[in-house]
């Protein structure tokens, strides 16, 4: 069976990489618990691109740990912040990397990324 999280970061997440700030570069390791083992996936976020590989317990700027099923729900649109508050997802490392990493996640079905929202007011709210 294919891994939904790996498929997401190998495909759709790369299309969202333009939401990362210009010049941003970081590494993220996903430690996903599945069927009595922990899979380690290594992501490189570099110059608006995302690559994923299976490289063991390599050091990273941010390490995110969760049950594989929890992360599969997150890449399907569940709220990563809510999972963190429920302690279903934990991280260690640079918080700014986690914040930018979350830009790669899809968000709830039907939601829009920050650059896709049409407020109908010309985009100059508050001016």
C-alpha atoms as a PDB file:
ATOM      1  CA  UNK A   1       0.000   0.000   0.000  1.00  0.00           C
ATOM      2  CA  UNK A   2       1.284   3.479  -0.850  1.00  0.00           C
ATOM      3  CA  UNK A   3       2.132   5.920   1.924  1.00  0.00           C
ATOM      4  CA  UNK A   4      -0.178   8.995   1.657  1.00  0.00           C
ATOM      5  CA  UNK A   5       2.297  11.244   3.492  1.00  0.00           C
ATOM      6  CA  UNK A   6       5.213  10.350   1.214  1.00  0.00           C
ATOM      7  CA  UNK A   7       3.017  10.722  -1.867  1.00  0.00           C
ATOM      8  CA  UNK A   8       1.916  14.168  -0.660  1.00  0.00           C
ATOM      9  CA  UNK A   9       5.454  15.466  -0.141  1.00  0.00           C
ATOM     10  CA  UNK A  10       6.678  13.944  -3.402  1.00  0.00           C
ATOM     11  CA  UNK A  11       3.848  15.628  -5.349  1.00  0.00           C
ATOM     12  CA  UNK A  12       1.325  18.208  -4.118  1.00  0.00           C
ATOM     13  CA  UNK A  13       3.628  19.753  -1.484  1.00  0.00           C
ATOM     14  CA  UNK A  14       6.092  20.660  -4.215  1.00  0.00           C
ATOM     15  CA  UNK A  15       3.342  22.729  -5.860  1.00  0.00           C
ATOM     16  CA  UNK A  16       2.927  24.700  -2.607  1.00  0.00           C
ATOM     17  CA  UNK A  17       6.663  25.364  -2.219  1.00  0.00           C
ATOM     18  CA  UNK A  18       6.162  28.846  -3.671  1.00  0.00           C
ATOM     19  CA  UNK A  19       4.556  29.714  -0.301  1.00  0.00           C
ATOM     20  CA  UNK A  20       7.991  29.436   1.347  1.00  0.00           C
ATOM     21  CA  UNK A  21       9.908  32.702   1.710  1.00  0.00           C
ATOM     22  CA  UNK A  22      12.549  33.463  -0.886  1.00  0.00           C
ATOM     23  CA  UNK A  23      15.962  32.278   0.278  1.00  0.00           C
ATOM     24  CA  UNK A  24      14.506  29.953   2.932  1.00  0.00           C
ATOM     25  CA  UNK A  25      16.421  26.708   3.366  1.00  0.00           C
ATOM     26  CA  UNK A  26      15.901  24.070   6.054  1.00  0.00           C
ATOM     27  CA  UNK A  27      15.705  20.359   6.715  1.00  0.00           C
ATOM     28  CA  UNK A  28      12.820  18.516   8.349  1.00  0.00           C
ATOM     29  CA  UNK A  29      12.759  14.915   9.508  1.00  0.00           C
ATOM     30  CA  UNK A  30       9.401  13.192   9.846  1.00  0.00           C
ATOM     31  CA  UNK A  31       9.416  10.305  12.327  1.00  0.00           C
ATOM     32  CA  UNK A  32       6.205   8.408  11.578  1.00  0.00           C
ATOM     33  CA  UNK A  33       5.201   5.454  13.725  1.00  0.00           C
ATOM     34  CA  UNK A  34       3.581   2.670  11.692  1.00  0.00           C
ATOM     35  CA  UNK A  35       2.915  -0.983  12.527  1.00  0.00           C
ATOM     36  CA  UNK A  36       5.419  -1.274  15.376  1.00  0.00           C
ATOM     37  CA  UNK A  37       8.238   0.584  13.620  1.00  0.00           C
ATOM     38  CA  UNK A  38       9.260   4.201  13.026  1.00  0.00           C
ATOM     39  CA  UNK A  39       9.824   5.388   9.460  1.00  0.00           C
ATOM     40  CA  UNK A  40      12.191   8.343   9.085  1.00  0.00           C
ATOM     41  CA  UNK A  41      11.587  10.652   6.118  1.00  0.00           C
ATOM     42  CA  UNK A  42      13.983  13.503   5.403  1.00  0.00           C
ATOM     43  CA  UNK A  43      12.721  16.634   3.655  1.00  0.00           C
ATOM     44  CA  UNK A  44      14.885  19.368   2.209  1.00  0.00           C
ATOM     45  CA  UNK A  45      13.140  22.708   1.806  1.00  0.00           C
ATOM     46  CA  UNK A  46      15.432  24.807  -0.340  1.00  0.00           C
ATOM     47  CA  UNK A  47      14.851  27.815  -2.572  1.00  0.00           C
ATOM     48  CA  UNK A  48      11.161  27.084  -3.004  1.00  0.00           C
ATOM     49  CA  UNK A  49      11.563  23.376  -3.705  1.00  0.00           C
ATOM     50  CA  UNK A  50      10.815  20.276  -1.645  1.00  0.00           C
ATOM     51  CA  UNK A  51      12.575  16.920  -1.889  1.00  0.00           C
ATOM     52  CA  UNK A  52      11.878  13.853   0.238  1.00  0.00           C
ATOM     53  CA  UNK A  53      13.984  10.766   0.873  1.00  0.00           C
ATOM     54  CA  UNK A  54      14.231   7.954   3.375  1.00  0.00           C
ATOM     55  CA  UNK A  55      17.531   8.555   5.150  1.00  0.00           C
ATOM     56  CA  UNK A  56      17.205   7.127   8.659  1.00  0.00           C
ATOM     57  CA  UNK A  57      17.717   9.161  11.799  1.00  0.00           C
ATOM     58  CA  UNK A  58      19.739  11.933  10.178  1.00  0.00           C
ATOM     59  CA  UNK A  59      19.972  15.292  12.000  1.00  0.00           C
ATOM     60  CA  UNK A  60      17.571  18.021  10.857  1.00  0.00           C
ATOM     61  CA  UNK A  61      16.632  21.611  11.689  1.00  0.00           C
ATOM     62  CA  UNK A  62      13.225  20.385  12.876  1.00  0.00           C
ATOM     63  CA  UNK A  63      12.094  16.851  13.776  1.00  0.00           C
ATOM     64  CA  UNK A  64       8.358  16.172  13.670  1.00  0.00           C
ATOM     65  CA  UNK A  65       7.031  12.985  15.274  1.00  0.00           C
ATOM     66  CA  UNK A  66       3.546  11.524  14.967  1.00  0.00           C
ATOM     67  CA  UNK A  67       1.615   8.371  14.420  1.00  0.00           C
ATOM     68  CA  UNK A  68       1.547   7.676  10.674  1.00  0.00           C
ATOM     69  CA  UNK A  69      -2.253   7.708  10.617  1.00  0.00           C
ATOM     70  CA  UNK A  70      -2.303  11.167  12.235  1.00  0.00           C
ATOM     71  CA  UNK A  71       0.045  12.562   9.604  1.00  0.00           C
ATOM     72  CA  UNK A  72      -1.929  10.893   6.821  1.00  0.00           C
ATOM     73  CA  UNK A  73      -4.981  12.827   8.086  1.00  0.00           C
ATOM     74  CA  UNK A  74      -2.941  16.056   8.162  1.00  0.00           C
ATOM     75  CA  UNK A  75      -1.872  15.725   4.522  1.00  0.00           C
ATOM     76  CA  UNK A  76      -5.529  15.028   3.709  1.00  0.00           C
ATOM     77  CA  UNK A  77      -6.541  18.361   5.278  1.00  0.00           C
ATOM     78  CA  UNK A  78      -6.720  17.897   9.073  1.00  0.00           C
ATOM     79  CA  UNK A  79      -5.365  20.750  11.197  1.00  0.00           C
ATOM     80  CA  UNK A  80      -1.701  20.238  12.188  1.00  0.00           C
ATOM     81  CA  UNK A  81      -1.931  22.876  14.923  1.00  0.00           C
ATOM     82  CA  UNK A  82      -4.884  21.082  16.517  1.00  0.00           C
ATOM     83  CA  UNK A  83      -2.931  17.789  16.348  1.00  0.00           C
ATOM     84  CA  UNK A  84      -0.030  19.519  18.119  1.00  0.00           C
ATOM     85  CA  UNK A  85      -2.333  20.898  20.823  1.00  0.00           C
ATOM     86  CA  UNK A  86      -3.740  17.384  21.338  1.00  0.00           C
ATOM     87  CA  UNK A  87      -0.130  16.133  21.627  1.00  0.00           C
ATOM     88  CA  UNK A  88      -0.678  13.826  18.649  1.00  0.00           C
ATOM     89  CA  UNK A  89       2.134  15.608  16.814  1.00  0.00           C
ATOM     90  CA  UNK A  90       5.328  16.741  18.534  1.00  0.00           C
ATOM     91  CA  UNK A  91       8.362  18.590  17.263  1.00  0.00           C
ATOM     92  CA  UNK A  92      11.798  19.609  18.388  1.00  0.00           C
ATOM     93  CA  UNK A  93      14.087  22.108  16.785  1.00  0.00           C
ATOM     94  CA  UNK A  94      13.588  25.537  15.253  1.00  0.00           C
ATOM     95  CA  UNK A  95       9.956  26.728  15.611  1.00  0.00           C
ATOM     96  CA  UNK A  96      10.294  28.957  12.518  1.00  0.00           C
ATOM     97  CA  UNK A  97      11.003  25.851  10.428  1.00  0.00           C
ATOM     98  CA  UNK A  98       7.813  24.242  11.736  1.00  0.00           C
ATOM     99  CA  UNK A  99       5.833  27.378  10.908  1.00  0.00           C
ATOM    100  CA  UNK A 100       7.141  27.502   7.333  1.00  0.00           C
ATOM    101  CA  UNK A 101       6.770  23.733   6.975  1.00  0.00           C
ATOM    102  CA  UNK A 102       3.060  24.092   7.780  1.00  0.00           C
ATOM    103  CA  UNK A 103       2.677  26.262   4.677  1.00  0.00           C
ATOM    104  CA  UNK A 104       3.250  23.102   2.653  1.00  0.00           C
ATOM    105  CA  UNK A 105       0.261  21.379   4.239  1.00  0.00           C
ATOM    106  CA  UNK A 106      -3.074  21.504   2.446  1.00  0.00           C
ATOM    107  CA  UNK A 107      -5.341  22.776   5.225  1.00  0.00           C
ATOM    108  CA  UNK A 108      -9.035  21.937   5.401  1.00  0.00           C
ATOM    109  CA  UNK A 109     -10.822  20.900   2.186  1.00  0.00           C
ATOM    110  CA  UNK A 110     -12.047  23.971   0.316  1.00  0.00           C
ATOM    111  CA  UNK A 111      -9.601  26.336   2.024  1.00  0.00           C
ATOM    112  CA  UNK A 112      -7.389  28.769   0.141  1.00  0.00           C
ATOM    113  CA  UNK A 113      -3.717  29.547   0.592  1.00  0.00           C
ATOM    114  CA  UNK A 114      -2.779  33.059   1.681  1.00  0.00           C
ATOM    115  CA  UNK A 115      -2.052  34.175  -1.870  1.00  0.00           C
ATOM    116  CA  UNK A 116      -5.275  32.744  -3.268  1.00  0.00           C
ATOM    117  CA  UNK A 117      -7.878  34.465  -1.121  1.00  0.00           C
ATOM    118  CA  UNK A 118     -10.155  36.808  -3.033  1.00  0.00           C
ATOM    119  CA  UNK A 119     -11.776  39.117  -0.488  1.00  0.00           C
ATOM    120  CA  UNK A 120     -13.653  41.005  -3.161  1.00  0.00           C
ATOM    121  CA  UNK A 121     -12.216  44.334  -1.985  1.00  0.00           C
ATOM    122  CA  UNK A 122      -9.179  44.607  -4.223  1.00  0.00           C
ATOM    123  CA  UNK A 123      -6.926  43.128  -1.536  1.00  0.00           C
ATOM    124  CA  UNK A 124      -6.321  46.423   0.287  1.00  0.00           C
ATOM    125  CA  UNK A 125      -8.251  45.714   3.483  1.00  0.00           C
ATOM    126  CA  UNK A 126      -7.470  48.176   6.226  1.00  0.00           C
ATOM    127  CA  UNK A 127      -6.023  50.886   3.972  1.00  0.00           C
END
